Amino acid sequence: MGLLISILITFLVIVLVLYLVQRLPLDGRAKQIVQAIVLVIGIISLLKYLAVF
């Protein structure tokens, strides 16, 4: 049960950070780069919870 909660919290943090990046006054290219970085970090942390790494 704790694993599921950890995965859910990680997913919600990723969504929240992506939303906050959308609100930043950056140009489109910088916004895409930041979103890609957030997604990569988020996917790696989710895979860590699933014991892939």
Protein backbone atom coordinates (compact mmCIF):
# COMPACT_ATOMS: atom_id res chain seq x y z
CA MET A 1 0.00 0.00 0.00
CA GLY A 2 2.87 2.36 0.79
CA LEU A 3 4.36 1.80 -2.66
CA LEU A 4 1.12 2.79 -4.33
CA ILE A 5 0.91 5.98 -2.27
CA SER A 6 4.52 6.84 -3.13
CA ILE A 7 3.86 6.36 -6.85
CA LEU A 8 0.70 8.46 -6.64
CA ILE A 9 2.47 11.28 -4.78
CA THR A 10 5.31 11.25 -7.31
CA PHE A 11 2.82 11.41 -10.18
CA LEU A 12 0.96 14.32 -8.57
CA VAL A 13 4.22 16.22 -7.99
CA ILE A 14 5.14 15.75 -11.67
CA VAL A 15 1.75 17.06 -12.78
CA LEU A 16 1.98 20.02 -10.38
CA VAL A 17 5.48 20.96 -11.55
CA LEU A 18 4.41 20.73 -15.21
CA TYR A 19 1.45 22.99 -14.43
CA LEU A 20 3.67 25.52 -12.67
CA VAL A 21 6.10 25.49 -15.62
CA GLN A 22 3.17 26.41 -17.88
CA ARG A 23 2.52 29.46 -15.69
CA LEU A 24 6.12 30.72 -15.94
CA PRO A 25 6.75 33.67 -18.26
CA LEU A 26 9.21 31.79 -20.48
CA ASP A 27 9.35 31.57 -24.24
CA GLY A 28 8.05 28.41 -25.90
CA ARG A 29 11.44 26.78 -26.48
CA ALA A 30 12.60 27.19 -22.86
CA LYS A 31 9.24 25.91 -21.62
CA GLN A 32 9.57 22.77 -23.78
CA ILE A 33 13.08 22.11 -22.48
CA VAL A 34 11.99 22.47 -18.84
CA GLN A 35 8.98 20.21 -19.44
CA ALA A 36 11.17 17.55 -21.02
CA ILE A 37 13.59 17.67 -18.07
CA VAL A 38 10.72 17.37 -15.57
CA LEU A 39 9.24 14.42 -17.47
CA VAL A 40 12.58 12.59 -17.63
CA ILE A 41 13.23 13.08 -13.92
CA GLY A 42 9.66 12.04 -13.11
CA ILE A 43 9.81 8.89 -15.21
CA ILE A 44 13.16 7.92 -13.67
CA SER A 45 11.79 8.38 -10.16
CA LEU A 46 8.67 6.35 -11.00
CA LEU A 47 10.82 3.57 -12.42
CA LYS A 48 12.89 3.67 -9.23
CA TYR A 49 9.72 2.99 -7.21
CA LEU A 50 8.91 0.09 -9.49
CA ALA A 51 12.40 -1.34 -8.77
CA VAL A 52 13.59 -1.11 -12.37
CA PHE A 53 16.72 0.75 -11.25
